[in-house]
Amino acid sequence: MTESTGSAPGAHDRSVDSTGEVLLDTRRFRVVRVRESLADGGCRDREVIQHPGSVVIVPLVTPAEVCLVEVVRVAVGRTLLELPAGTLDREESLADAALRELAEETGYRAGRLESVGGFWMSPGILRERMHLFVAGDLVAGPQALEPGEQIRTRHVAWDDAVTMCLDGTIEDAKSVAGILITDARRRRPPSPSR
């Protein structure tokens, strides 16, 4: 099982002070003011949300069915249909974080876990890298939700999940990205062996 972390944060930055002045420090993220050097030689201040990163999992119950979660999201005042996911808030490998979050939110334990890359969630203001995994050979078990979490599982046919991403039924960005990336990988013909 391989882990992919993508390119190092800031690897292609011209000149951005990523430490900055702390404006707000919370349990899950920090808001900082950073100084950005501009191409014309000037500078400007930007407010950035620093986040430890997260994992998102595509749990394939069967090759034709995925387990999604219905999550109450206070920030948008709605219940959204999403892939299970969670914050990297402790010392563990990306794969271990994915397995833990999958078990906590869905109750499933994965016999197989594949890292399929990652993406930045909202790089204009947010420094959060999401690491995408596909889980298979699932064994059902009890959820282990954190206090206050409101999450229900929902099995959806794979083709329906793809359609729901395209027609706007699934509105959560990480879930749209995770499902469509996984679908594209599944449709790609196998590489010829050398």
C-alpha atoms as a PDB file:
ATOM      1  CA  MET A   1       0.000   0.000   0.000  1.00  0.00           C
ATOM      2  CA  THR A   2       1.573   3.276  -1.066  1.00  0.00           C
ATOM      3  CA  GLU A   3       0.868   6.730   0.244  1.00  0.00           C
ATOM      4  CA  SER A   4       0.852   9.824  -1.882  1.00  0.00           C
ATOM      5  CA  THR A   5       1.334  13.226  -0.354  1.00  0.00           C
ATOM      6  CA  GLY A   6       1.610  15.187  -3.593  1.00  0.00           C
ATOM      7  CA  SER A   7       4.135  17.982  -3.948  1.00  0.00           C
ATOM      8  CA  ALA A   8       5.398  19.650  -0.828  1.00  0.00           C
ATOM      9  CA  PRO A   9       3.372  22.690   0.263  1.00  0.00           C
ATOM     10  CA  GLY A  10       5.003  25.795  -1.120  1.00  0.00           C
ATOM     11  CA  ALA A  11       7.202  23.809  -3.521  1.00  0.00           C
ATOM     12  CA  HIS A  12       6.373  26.161  -6.420  1.00  0.00           C
ATOM     13  CA  ASP A  13       5.899  29.383  -4.437  1.00  0.00           C
ATOM     14  CA  ARG A  14       7.919  32.430  -5.435  1.00  0.00           C
ATOM     15  CA  SER A  15       7.999  34.016  -2.035  1.00  0.00           C
ATOM     16  CA  VAL A  16       5.342  33.527   0.591  1.00  0.00           C
ATOM     17  CA  ASP A  17       5.958  33.718   4.327  1.00  0.00           C
ATOM     18  CA  SER A  18       3.884  30.732   5.488  1.00  0.00           C
ATOM     19  CA  THR A  19       4.308  31.429   9.206  1.00  0.00           C
ATOM     20  CA  GLY A  20       2.759  34.872   9.507  1.00  0.00           C
ATOM     21  CA  GLU A  21       0.886  36.643  12.265  1.00  0.00           C
ATOM     22  CA  VAL A  22      -1.656  34.407  14.000  1.00  0.00           C
ATOM     23  CA  LEU A  23      -5.103  36.039  13.912  1.00  0.00           C
ATOM     24  CA  LEU A  24      -7.114  33.069  15.207  1.00  0.00           C
ATOM     25  CA  ASP A  25      -6.043  29.701  16.613  1.00  0.00           C
ATOM     26  CA  THR A  26      -8.674  26.963  16.949  1.00  0.00           C
ATOM     27  CA  ARG A  27      -8.704  23.235  17.609  1.00  0.00           C
ATOM     28  CA  ARG A  28      -8.715  22.333  13.890  1.00  0.00           C
ATOM     29  CA  PHE A  29      -7.210  25.276  12.025  1.00  0.00           C
ATOM     30  CA  ARG A  30      -5.377  28.592  12.338  1.00  0.00           C
ATOM     31  CA  VAL A  31      -5.920  31.872  10.494  1.00  0.00           C
ATOM     32  CA  VAL A  32      -2.718  33.790   9.788  1.00  0.00           C
ATOM     33  CA  ARG A  33      -1.781  36.975   7.957  1.00  0.00           C
ATOM     34  CA  VAL A  34       1.104  36.281   5.578  1.00  0.00           C
ATOM     35  CA  ARG A  35       3.245  38.604   3.458  1.00  0.00           C
ATOM     36  CA  GLU A  36       3.320  37.781  -0.274  1.00  0.00           C
ATOM     37  CA  SER A  37       6.040  39.149  -2.575  1.00  0.00           C
ATOM     38  CA  LEU A  38       4.578  40.246  -5.908  1.00  0.00           C
ATOM     39  CA  ALA A  39       6.131  39.965  -9.374  1.00  0.00           C
ATOM     40  CA  ASP A  40       6.417  43.760  -9.625  1.00  0.00           C
ATOM     41  CA  GLY A  41       8.581  43.875  -6.484  1.00  0.00           C
ATOM     42  CA  GLY A  42       5.787  44.986  -4.178  1.00  0.00           C
ATOM     43  CA  CYS A  43       4.232  43.083  -1.304  1.00  0.00           C
ATOM     44  CA  ARG A  44       0.757  42.496   0.011  1.00  0.00           C
ATOM     45  CA  ASP A  45      -0.764  40.883   3.067  1.00  0.00           C
ATOM     46  CA  ARG A  46      -3.107  37.913   2.701  1.00  0.00           C
ATOM     47  CA  GLU A  47      -5.196  36.068   5.295  1.00  0.00           C
ATOM     48  CA  VAL A  48      -4.745  32.303   5.025  1.00  0.00           C
ATOM     49  CA  ILE A  49      -6.408  29.410   6.839  1.00  0.00           C
ATOM     50  CA  GLN A  50      -3.757  26.840   7.789  1.00  0.00           C
ATOM     51  CA  HIS A  51      -5.123  23.306   8.125  1.00  0.00           C
ATOM     52  CA  PRO A  52      -3.237  20.075   8.935  1.00  0.00           C
ATOM     53  CA  GLY A  53      -4.722  18.287   5.909  1.00  0.00           C
ATOM     54  CA  SER A  54      -7.223  15.501   5.612  1.00  0.00           C
ATOM     55  CA  VAL A  55      -8.117  12.186   4.037  1.00  0.00           C
ATOM     56  CA  VAL A  56     -11.132  11.264   1.901  1.00  0.00           C
ATOM     57  CA  ILE A  57     -12.123   7.688   1.177  1.00  0.00           C
ATOM     58  CA  VAL A  58     -14.102   6.061  -1.654  1.00  0.00           C
ATOM     59  CA  PRO A  59     -15.523   2.931   0.061  1.00  0.00           C
ATOM     60  CA  LEU A  60     -16.480   0.383  -2.603  1.00  0.00           C
ATOM     61  CA  VAL A  61     -18.959  -2.001  -0.974  1.00  0.00           C
ATOM     62  CA  THR A  62     -18.933  -3.877  -4.296  1.00  0.00           C
ATOM     63  CA  PRO A  63     -17.454  -2.810  -7.636  1.00  0.00           C
ATOM     64  CA  ALA A  64     -20.930  -1.444  -8.473  1.00  0.00           C
ATOM     65  CA  GLU A  65     -21.819   0.194  -5.123  1.00  0.00           C
ATOM     66  CA  VAL A  66     -20.285   2.898  -2.930  1.00  0.00           C
ATOM     67  CA  CYS A  67     -20.999   3.793   0.696  1.00  0.00           C
ATOM     68  CA  LEU A  68     -21.661   7.518   1.120  1.00  0.00           C
ATOM     69  CA  VAL A  69     -22.485   9.425   4.296  1.00  0.00           C
ATOM     70  CA  GLU A  70     -25.217  11.956   5.001  1.00  0.00           C
ATOM     71  CA  VAL A  71     -23.618  14.624   7.194  1.00  0.00           C
ATOM     72  CA  VAL A  72     -25.251  17.580   8.941  1.00  0.00           C
ATOM     73  CA  ARG A  73     -23.109  20.592   7.961  1.00  0.00           C
ATOM     74  CA  VAL A  74     -23.725  23.583  10.201  1.00  0.00           C
ATOM     75  CA  ALA A  75     -21.574  25.899   8.038  1.00  0.00           C
ATOM     76  CA  VAL A  76     -24.004  25.610   5.107  1.00  0.00           C
ATOM     77  CA  GLY A  77     -27.134  24.835   7.129  1.00  0.00           C
ATOM     78  CA  ARG A  78     -27.826  21.588   5.291  1.00  0.00           C
ATOM     79  CA  THR A  79     -27.322  17.850   5.315  1.00  0.00           C
ATOM     80  CA  LEU A  80     -24.924  16.910   2.512  1.00  0.00           C
ATOM     81  CA  LEU A  81     -24.233  13.589   0.832  1.00  0.00           C
ATOM     82  CA  GLU A  82     -20.475  12.995   0.961  1.00  0.00           C
ATOM     83  CA  LEU A  83     -17.640  10.532   0.907  1.00  0.00           C
ATOM     84  CA  PRO A  84     -16.302   9.729   4.394  1.00  0.00           C
ATOM     85  CA  ALA A  85     -13.384  11.982   5.307  1.00  0.00           C
ATOM     86  CA  GLY A  86     -11.520  13.427   8.243  1.00  0.00           C
ATOM     87  CA  THR A  87      -8.806  15.762   9.476  1.00  0.00           C
ATOM     88  CA  LEU A  88      -5.217  14.684  10.073  1.00  0.00           C
ATOM     89  CA  ASP A  89      -5.360  15.576  13.761  1.00  0.00           C
ATOM     90  CA  ARG A  90      -2.985  13.007  15.279  1.00  0.00           C
ATOM     91  CA  GLU A  91       0.329  11.279  14.634  1.00  0.00           C
ATOM     92  CA  GLU A  92      -0.426   8.499  12.125  1.00  0.00           C
ATOM     93  CA  SER A  93       0.254   7.619   8.515  1.00  0.00           C
ATOM     94  CA  LEU A  94      -2.116   8.800   5.813  1.00  0.00           C
ATOM     95  CA  ALA A  95      -3.262   5.202   5.259  1.00  0.00           C
ATOM     96  CA  ASP A  96      -3.941   4.714   8.980  1.00  0.00           C
ATOM     97  CA  ALA A  97      -5.911   7.975   9.064  1.00  0.00           C
ATOM     98  CA  ALA A  98      -7.995   6.817   6.091  1.00  0.00           C
ATOM     99  CA  LEU A  99      -8.695   3.431   7.688  1.00  0.00           C
ATOM    100  CA  ARG A 100      -9.628   5.088  10.996  1.00  0.00           C
ATOM    101  CA  GLU A 101     -11.966   7.631   9.437  1.00  0.00           C
ATOM    102  CA  LEU A 102     -13.617   4.962   7.289  1.00  0.00           C
ATOM    103  CA  ALA A 103     -14.314   2.805  10.345  1.00  0.00           C
ATOM    104  CA  GLU A 104     -15.475   5.726  12.495  1.00  0.00           C
ATOM    105  CA  GLU A 105     -17.907   7.190   9.963  1.00  0.00           C
ATOM    106  CA  THR A 106     -19.200   4.064   8.184  1.00  0.00           C
ATOM    107  CA  GLY A 107     -18.345   1.127  10.434  1.00  0.00           C
ATOM    108  CA  TYR A 108     -16.518  -0.549   7.529  1.00  0.00           C
ATOM    109  CA  ARG A 109     -13.056  -2.051   7.902  1.00  0.00           C
ATOM    110  CA  ALA A 110     -11.097  -2.220   4.638  1.00  0.00           C
ATOM    111  CA  GLY A 111      -9.085  -5.225   3.532  1.00  0.00           C
ATOM    112  CA  ARG A 112      -7.645  -3.211   0.664  1.00  0.00           C
ATOM    113  CA  LEU A 113      -6.688   0.482   0.524  1.00  0.00           C
ATOM    114  CA  GLU A 114      -5.179   2.295  -2.444  1.00  0.00           C
ATOM    115  CA  SER A 115      -3.791   5.827  -2.447  1.00  0.00           C
ATOM    116  CA  VAL A 116      -4.829   7.671  -5.608  1.00  0.00           C
ATOM    117  CA  GLY A 117      -3.324  11.116  -5.047  1.00  0.00           C
ATOM    118  CA  GLY A 118      -4.550  14.332  -3.554  1.00  0.00           C
ATOM    119  CA  PHE A 119      -5.714  17.858  -4.194  1.00  0.00           C
ATOM    120  CA  TRP A 120      -5.901  21.299  -2.581  1.00  0.00           C
ATOM    121  CA  MET A 121      -9.399  22.093  -1.318  1.00  0.00           C
ATOM    122  CA  SER A 122      -9.592  25.877  -1.812  1.00  0.00           C
ATOM    123  CA  PRO A 123      -6.069  27.201  -2.402  1.00  0.00           C
ATOM    124  CA  GLY A 124      -7.129  30.838  -2.679  1.00  0.00           C
ATOM    125  CA  ILE A 125      -7.643  31.041   1.091  1.00  0.00           C
ATOM    126  CA  LEU A 126      -7.151  27.558   2.557  1.00  0.00           C
ATOM    127  CA  ARG A 127      -3.974  25.514   2.994  1.00  0.00           C
ATOM    128  CA  GLU A 128      -5.632  22.076   3.210  1.00  0.00           C
ATOM    129  CA  ARG A 129      -4.344  19.126   1.185  1.00  0.00           C
ATOM    130  CA  MET A 130      -6.812  16.239   0.889  1.00  0.00           C
ATOM    131  CA  HIS A 131      -5.383  12.764   0.310  1.00  0.00           C
ATOM    132  CA  LEU A 132      -7.657  10.441  -1.679  1.00  0.00           C
ATOM    133  CA  PHE A 133      -7.953   6.695  -1.027  1.00  0.00           C
ATOM    134  CA  VAL A 134     -10.091   3.933  -2.519  1.00  0.00           C
ATOM    135  CA  ALA A 135     -11.100   1.206  -0.039  1.00  0.00           C
ATOM    136  CA  GLY A 136     -12.260  -2.292  -0.966  1.00  0.00           C
ATOM    137  CA  ASP A 137     -12.803  -5.745   0.540  1.00  0.00           C
ATOM    138  CA  LEU A 138     -15.000  -4.075   3.156  1.00  0.00           C
ATOM    139  CA  VAL A 139     -16.211  -5.802   6.312  1.00  0.00           C
ATOM    140  CA  ALA A 140     -19.184  -4.211   8.094  1.00  0.00           C
ATOM    141  CA  GLY A 141     -18.993  -3.172  11.738  1.00  0.00           C
ATOM    142  CA  PRO A 142     -20.337  -0.495  14.089  1.00  0.00           C
ATOM    143  CA  GLN A 143     -19.728   3.220  13.547  1.00  0.00           C
ATOM    144  CA  ALA A 144     -17.607   5.035  16.137  1.00  0.00           C
ATOM    145  CA  LEU A 145     -18.821   8.617  15.772  1.00  0.00           C
ATOM    146  CA  GLU A 146     -17.307  11.479  17.749  1.00  0.00           C
ATOM    147  CA  PRO A 147     -19.639  13.217  20.222  1.00  0.00           C
ATOM    148  CA  GLY A 148     -21.995  15.505  18.320  1.00  0.00           C
ATOM    149  CA  GLU A 149     -21.367  14.000  14.878  1.00  0.00           C
ATOM    150  CA  GLN A 150     -24.572  13.436  12.908  1.00  0.00           C
ATOM    151  CA  ILE A 151     -23.686  10.928  10.180  1.00  0.00           C
ATOM    152  CA  ARG A 152     -25.813   8.261   8.481  1.00  0.00           C
ATOM    153  CA  THR A 153     -24.528   5.838   5.867  1.00  0.00           C
ATOM    154  CA  ARG A 154     -26.191   5.430   2.497  1.00  0.00           C
ATOM    155  CA  HIS A 155     -25.329   2.846  -0.158  1.00  0.00           C
ATOM    156  CA  VAL A 156     -25.542   4.171  -3.710  1.00  0.00           C
ATOM    157  CA  ALA A 157     -25.025   2.417  -7.050  1.00  0.00           C
ATOM    158  CA  TRP A 158     -21.708   3.578  -8.536  1.00  0.00           C
ATOM    159  CA  ASP A 159     -23.234   4.897 -11.762  1.00  0.00           C
ATOM    160  CA  ASP A 160     -25.853   6.787  -9.720  1.00  0.00           C
ATOM    161  CA  ALA A 161     -23.115   8.376  -7.578  1.00  0.00           C
ATOM    162  CA  VAL A 162     -21.355   9.610 -10.741  1.00  0.00           C
ATOM    163  CA  THR A 163     -24.645  10.999 -12.079  1.00  0.00           C
ATOM    164  CA  MET A 164     -25.303  12.706  -8.723  1.00  0.00           C
ATOM    165  CA  CYS A 165     -21.932  14.490  -9.025  1.00  0.00           C
ATOM    166  CA  LEU A 166     -22.767  15.674 -12.532  1.00  0.00           C
ATOM    167  CA  ASP A 167     -26.350  16.793 -11.843  1.00  0.00           C
ATOM    168  CA  GLY A 168     -25.549  18.670  -8.609  1.00  0.00           C
ATOM    169  CA  THR A 169     -27.176  16.257  -6.163  1.00  0.00           C
ATOM    170  CA  ILE A 170     -23.761  15.744  -4.568  1.00  0.00           C
ATOM    171  CA  GLU A 171     -22.499  19.275  -3.873  1.00  0.00           C
ATOM    172  CA  ASP A 172     -19.522  18.580  -1.613  1.00  0.00           C
ATOM    173  CA  ALA A 173     -16.316  19.362  -3.550  1.00  0.00           C
ATOM    174  CA  LYS A 174     -14.146  16.595  -2.092  1.00  0.00           C
ATOM    175  CA  SER A 175     -16.836  14.029  -2.862  1.00  0.00           C
ATOM    176  CA  VAL A 176     -17.330  15.241  -6.433  1.00  0.00           C
ATOM    177  CA  ALA A 177     -13.552  15.176  -6.980  1.00  0.00           C
ATOM    178  CA  GLY A 178     -13.089  11.799  -5.299  1.00  0.00           C
ATOM    179  CA  ILE A 179     -15.898  10.071  -7.168  1.00  0.00           C
ATOM    180  CA  LEU A 180     -15.041  11.526 -10.581  1.00  0.00           C
ATOM    181  CA  ILE A 181     -11.297  10.847 -10.206  1.00  0.00           C
ATOM    182  CA  THR A 182     -12.028   7.275  -9.155  1.00  0.00           C
ATOM    183  CA  ASP A 183     -14.513   6.832 -12.012  1.00  0.00           C
ATOM    184  CA  ALA A 184     -11.975   8.094 -14.554  1.00  0.00           C
ATOM    185  CA  ARG A 185      -9.342   5.703 -13.185  1.00  0.00           C
ATOM    186  CA  ARG A 186     -11.783   2.784 -13.357  1.00  0.00           C
ATOM    187  CA  ARG A 187     -12.654   3.558 -16.995  1.00  0.00           C
ATOM    188  CA  ARG A 188      -9.026   3.930 -18.089  1.00  0.00           C
ATOM    189  CA  PRO A 189      -7.746   0.875 -19.954  1.00  0.00           C
ATOM    190  CA  PRO A 190      -5.049  -1.084 -18.096  1.00  0.00           C
ATOM    191  CA  SER A 191      -1.471  -0.171 -18.979  1.00  0.00           C
ATOM    192  CA  PRO A 192       0.237  -2.735 -21.198  1.00  0.00           C
ATOM    193  CA  SER A 193       2.776  -4.769 -19.239  1.00  0.00           C
ATOM    194  CA  ARG A 194       6.393  -4.234 -20.177  1.00  0.00           C
END
